[in-house]
Amino acid sequence: MGFFGSASIGVYVSITERVALVPPQVSESKVRRLEECLKVKTIKTTVGESVLVGALTSANSNGIILPHFTREEEIQNIKSDSSSVNMTVMETTRTAYGNMVLANDYGAIVDPRLKDKEVQNISDTLGVEAVLGEIAGLPYVGSLAKATNKGVITHPMVEEDEQKLLKEVLKVPIEAGTVNCGVPYVGTGLVGNSHGAIAGFITTRPELFIIEHALGLVKEE
């Protein structure tokens, strides 16, 4: 799948077990495909009038993290369709929380450059323990991996101690892989939850096989 001519679909869409935050410009056929594959309800929204919804937000079944420039009408739009979850607008100069937070419903790994108060806000909003960490020695963990309630697929250069932390905090198996014909920033080219996954349109069949296995989507015979 692609959005706005790009295979970096994780930059544009944010997925939880229940909802998909999707820019209003995305076609109805693609919205239906997301809903059918991932069994989610779609909320059409921009964030600060930007279509980069996946890069700017972080979410799980318990809550949604939004950057400081999110407009009030966008907040109310999201609230109207997801009133049962926590919503926090982070009052900091940082904005790309989708790149800075890797979360599922069991835990969160966050960019180690975040301040203690920010980490606590993320933990409280998402309803999980939030722990500082890196992947492949890099801080933008949300773009370097994709986590669901069944598994995590991560940058292929993930280090052993990082992999151990991911497994301890997120409480699911970890596997390394790529998307979009070799891109190691897995979170930029992949969306999914425990029901399914959708990758960017240039992802190869071997990559798809690894993604399915890593996210626990391979059906047993």
Protein backbone atom coordinates (compact mmCIF):
# COMPACT_ATOMS: atom_id res chain seq x y z
CA MET A 1 0.00 0.00 0.00
CA GLY A 2 1.06 3.61 -0.47
CA PHE A 3 -0.13 7.02 0.67
CA PHE A 4 0.46 10.24 -1.27
CA GLY A 5 2.63 8.30 -3.69
CA SER A 6 4.94 7.11 -0.90
CA ALA A 7 5.66 3.60 0.40
CA SER A 8 6.47 5.09 3.83
CA ILE A 9 2.96 4.39 5.05
CA GLY A 10 3.85 4.39 8.75
CA VAL A 11 4.59 8.09 8.50
CA TYR A 12 0.98 8.86 7.56
CA VAL A 13 -1.14 6.45 9.62
CA SER A 14 -1.31 5.51 13.31
CA ILE A 15 -2.86 2.14 14.24
CA THR A 16 -4.02 0.60 17.51
CA GLU A 17 -6.02 -2.54 18.23
CA ARG A 18 -9.24 -0.56 17.80
CA VAL A 19 -8.70 2.54 15.67
CA ALA A 20 -6.74 3.94 12.74
CA LEU A 21 -5.88 7.64 12.60
CA VAL A 22 -5.82 8.43 8.89
CA PRO A 23 -5.48 11.70 6.93
CA PRO A 24 -8.79 12.79 5.36
CA GLN A 25 -7.24 12.74 1.88
CA VAL A 26 -6.74 8.96 1.91
CA SER A 27 -9.11 7.25 -0.53
CA GLU A 28 -12.13 5.29 0.66
CA SER A 29 -10.79 2.12 -0.98
CA LYS A 30 -7.61 2.30 1.10
CA VAL A 31 -9.59 3.12 4.24
CA ARG A 32 -11.73 0.01 3.68
CA ARG A 33 -8.63 -2.10 3.18
CA LEU A 34 -7.18 -0.85 6.48
CA GLU A 35 -10.46 -1.53 8.27
CA GLU A 36 -10.86 -5.02 6.81
CA CYS A 37 -7.27 -6.16 7.29
CA LEU A 38 -6.67 -4.66 10.73
CA LYS A 39 -10.26 -4.76 12.08
CA VAL A 40 -10.18 -1.11 13.14
CA LYS A 41 -12.48 1.88 13.09
CA THR A 42 -11.10 4.78 11.04
CA ILE A 43 -10.81 8.29 12.42
CA LYS A 44 -10.03 10.76 9.65
CA THR A 45 -7.88 13.60 10.95
CA THR A 46 -4.86 15.75 10.40
CA VAL A 47 -2.50 16.74 13.22
CA GLY A 48 -1.65 20.41 13.24
CA GLU A 49 -3.07 20.42 9.69
CA SER A 50 -0.34 17.94 8.70
CA VAL A 51 -0.96 14.59 6.99
CA LEU A 52 2.05 13.06 8.82
CA VAL A 53 -0.25 11.53 11.42
CA GLY A 54 1.87 8.42 12.03
CA ALA A 55 5.07 10.38 12.63
CA LEU A 56 3.44 12.94 14.91
CA THR A 57 1.37 10.66 17.17
CA SER A 58 1.93 7.61 19.32
CA ALA A 59 -0.96 5.45 20.46
CA ASN A 60 -2.05 2.14 21.94
CA SER A 61 -5.42 0.82 23.14
CA ASN A 62 -5.23 3.00 26.26
CA GLY A 63 -4.22 6.39 24.96
CA ILE A 64 -2.98 8.78 22.29
CA ILE A 65 0.00 11.15 22.49
CA LEU A 66 -0.29 14.32 20.39
CA PRO A 67 2.19 17.18 19.73
CA HIS A 68 1.67 20.69 21.08
CA PHE A 69 0.47 22.19 17.79
CA THR A 70 -2.53 19.85 17.46
CA ARG A 71 -5.57 22.01 16.75
CA GLU A 72 -8.59 22.00 19.07
CA GLU A 73 -10.96 20.83 16.33
CA GLU A 74 -8.62 17.89 15.62
CA ILE A 75 -8.61 16.95 19.30
CA GLN A 76 -12.40 17.08 19.45
CA ASN A 77 -12.67 15.03 16.26
CA ILE A 78 -10.46 12.29 17.69
CA LYS A 79 -12.25 12.44 21.05
CA SER A 80 -15.65 12.02 19.43
CA ASP A 81 -14.65 8.63 18.06
CA SER A 82 -12.32 7.46 20.85
CA SER A 83 -13.76 8.92 24.03
CA SER A 84 -12.77 5.91 26.11
CA VAL A 85 -9.01 6.47 25.72
CA ASN A 86 -6.67 8.96 27.36
CA MET A 87 -5.46 11.86 25.23
CA THR A 88 -2.47 14.02 26.06
CA VAL A 89 -1.18 17.01 24.12
CA MET A 90 2.51 17.25 24.97
CA GLU A 91 3.44 20.84 25.80
CA THR A 92 7.04 20.63 24.59
CA THR A 93 8.94 21.68 21.47
CA ARG A 94 9.28 18.04 20.42
CA THR A 95 6.68 16.95 17.91
CA ALA A 96 7.41 13.60 16.20
CA TYR A 97 6.17 11.29 18.96
CA GLY A 98 5.51 8.52 16.47
CA ASN A 99 9.25 8.42 15.89
CA MET A 100 10.16 8.78 19.56
CA VAL A 101 7.89 6.14 21.13
CA LEU A 102 7.61 2.41 20.41
CA ALA A 103 4.57 1.03 22.24
CA ASN A 104 2.07 -1.77 22.43
CA ASP A 105 -0.53 -2.49 25.11
CA TYR A 106 2.11 -3.97 27.44
CA GLY A 107 4.89 -1.39 27.51
CA ALA A 108 6.74 1.43 25.78
CA ILE A 109 10.33 2.13 24.81
CA VAL A 110 10.98 5.86 24.44
CA ASP A 111 13.67 8.14 23.04
CA PRO A 112 16.35 8.55 25.76
CA ARG A 113 16.55 12.29 25.03
CA LEU A 114 13.08 12.81 26.50
CA LYS A 115 12.85 14.43 29.92
CA ASP A 116 11.53 12.63 32.98
CA LYS A 117 8.24 14.57 32.95
CA GLU A 118 7.67 13.70 29.28
CA VAL A 119 8.36 10.02 29.93
CA GLN A 120 5.92 10.05 32.86
CA ASN A 121 3.23 11.72 30.72
CA ILE A 122 3.70 9.07 28.04
CA SER A 123 3.50 6.29 30.64
CA ASP A 124 0.36 7.73 32.24
CA THR A 125 -1.39 8.32 28.90
CA LEU A 126 -0.59 4.93 27.38
CA GLY A 127 -1.21 3.13 30.68
CA VAL A 128 2.06 1.18 30.51
CA GLU A 129 5.60 1.32 31.83
CA ALA A 130 7.75 3.64 29.67
CA VAL A 131 11.48 2.92 29.60
CA LEU A 132 14.32 4.83 27.93
CA GLY A 133 16.03 2.84 25.19
CA GLU A 134 17.72 2.79 21.81
CA ILE A 135 17.68 0.50 18.78
CA ALA A 136 20.86 0.00 16.74
CA GLY A 137 22.41 2.69 18.94
CA LEU A 138 19.87 5.24 17.69
CA PRO A 139 17.29 7.16 19.76
CA TYR A 140 14.25 7.43 17.41
CA VAL A 141 12.88 4.04 18.41
CA GLY A 142 9.40 4.49 16.93
CA SER A 143 10.77 4.72 13.40
CA LEU A 144 13.25 1.88 13.93
CA ALA A 145 10.71 -0.82 14.83
CA LYS A 146 7.04 -1.78 14.81
CA ALA A 147 5.44 -3.31 17.90
CA THR A 148 2.09 -5.08 18.28
CA ASN A 149 0.62 -7.22 21.04
CA LYS A 150 2.01 -10.30 19.28
CA GLY A 151 5.54 -9.29 18.34
CA VAL A 152 8.11 -6.69 17.37
CA ILE A 153 10.02 -6.34 14.11
CA THR A 154 13.07 -4.15 14.47
CA HIS A 155 16.03 -2.61 12.66
CA PRO A 156 18.41 -5.41 11.61
CA MET A 157 21.35 -3.85 13.49
CA VAL A 158 19.58 -4.09 16.86
CA GLU A 159 22.09 -4.94 19.59
CA GLU A 160 21.74 -7.85 21.99
CA ASP A 161 21.17 -5.72 25.09
CA GLU A 162 18.64 -3.59 23.22
CA GLN A 163 16.79 -6.69 22.08
CA LYS A 164 16.67 -7.96 25.66
CA LEU A 165 15.19 -4.65 26.87
CA LEU A 166 12.59 -4.64 24.10
CA LYS A 167 11.47 -8.13 25.05
CA GLU A 168 11.33 -7.31 28.77
CA VAL A 169 9.34 -4.10 28.37
CA LEU A 170 7.04 -4.97 25.45
CA LYS A 171 6.58 -8.59 26.61
CA VAL A 172 6.49 -10.11 23.11
CA PRO A 173 9.03 -11.87 20.85
CA ILE A 174 11.53 -9.75 18.90
CA GLU A 175 12.77 -10.32 15.35
CA ALA A 176 14.86 -8.19 12.98
CA GLY A 177 13.86 -7.29 9.43
CA THR A 178 13.40 -4.58 6.83
CA VAL A 179 10.63 -3.06 4.70
CA ASN A 180 10.33 -1.43 1.29
CA CYS A 181 13.15 -3.35 -0.38
CA GLY A 182 15.77 -3.09 2.34
CA VAL A 183 14.81 -0.03 4.41
CA PRO A 184 15.87 -0.70 8.04
CA TYR A 185 13.57 1.99 9.49
CA VAL A 186 10.77 -0.53 9.85
CA GLY A 187 8.30 1.79 11.56
CA THR A 188 8.23 4.14 8.58
CA GLY A 189 7.01 1.53 6.12
CA LEU A 190 4.72 -0.72 8.14
CA VAL A 191 1.43 -0.48 10.04
CA GLY A 192 -0.33 -3.22 11.94
CA ASN A 193 -1.80 -4.71 15.08
CA SER A 194 -2.53 -8.20 16.38
CA HIS A 195 -5.05 -8.74 13.55
CA GLY A 196 -2.78 -8.03 10.61
CA ALA A 197 -0.13 -5.85 9.00
CA ILE A 198 0.19 -3.73 5.86
CA ALA A 199 3.56 -2.80 4.39
CA GLY A 200 4.68 -0.24 1.85
CA PHE A 201 4.10 -1.20 -1.78
CA ILE A 202 7.76 -1.91 -2.60
CA THR A 203 8.21 -4.39 0.26
CA THR A 204 9.47 -7.71 -1.11
CA ARG A 205 7.99 -11.15 -0.55
CA PRO A 206 10.92 -12.30 1.65
CA GLU A 207 10.45 -9.16 3.76
CA LEU A 208 6.73 -9.85 4.06
CA PHE A 209 7.45 -13.40 5.21
CA ILE A 210 9.73 -12.10 7.99
CA ILE A 211 7.19 -9.45 8.98
CA GLU A 212 4.39 -12.03 9.24
CA HIS A 213 6.57 -14.29 11.36
CA ALA A 214 7.84 -11.47 13.61
CA LEU A 215 4.34 -10.12 14.27
CA GLY A 216 2.84 -13.55 14.91
CA LEU A 217 0.62 -13.48 11.83
CA VAL A 218 1.66 -16.80 10.30
CA LYS A 219 -1.23 -19.24 10.51
CA GLU A 220 -0.38 -22.62 11.93
CA GLU A 221 -1.14 -25.63 9.77
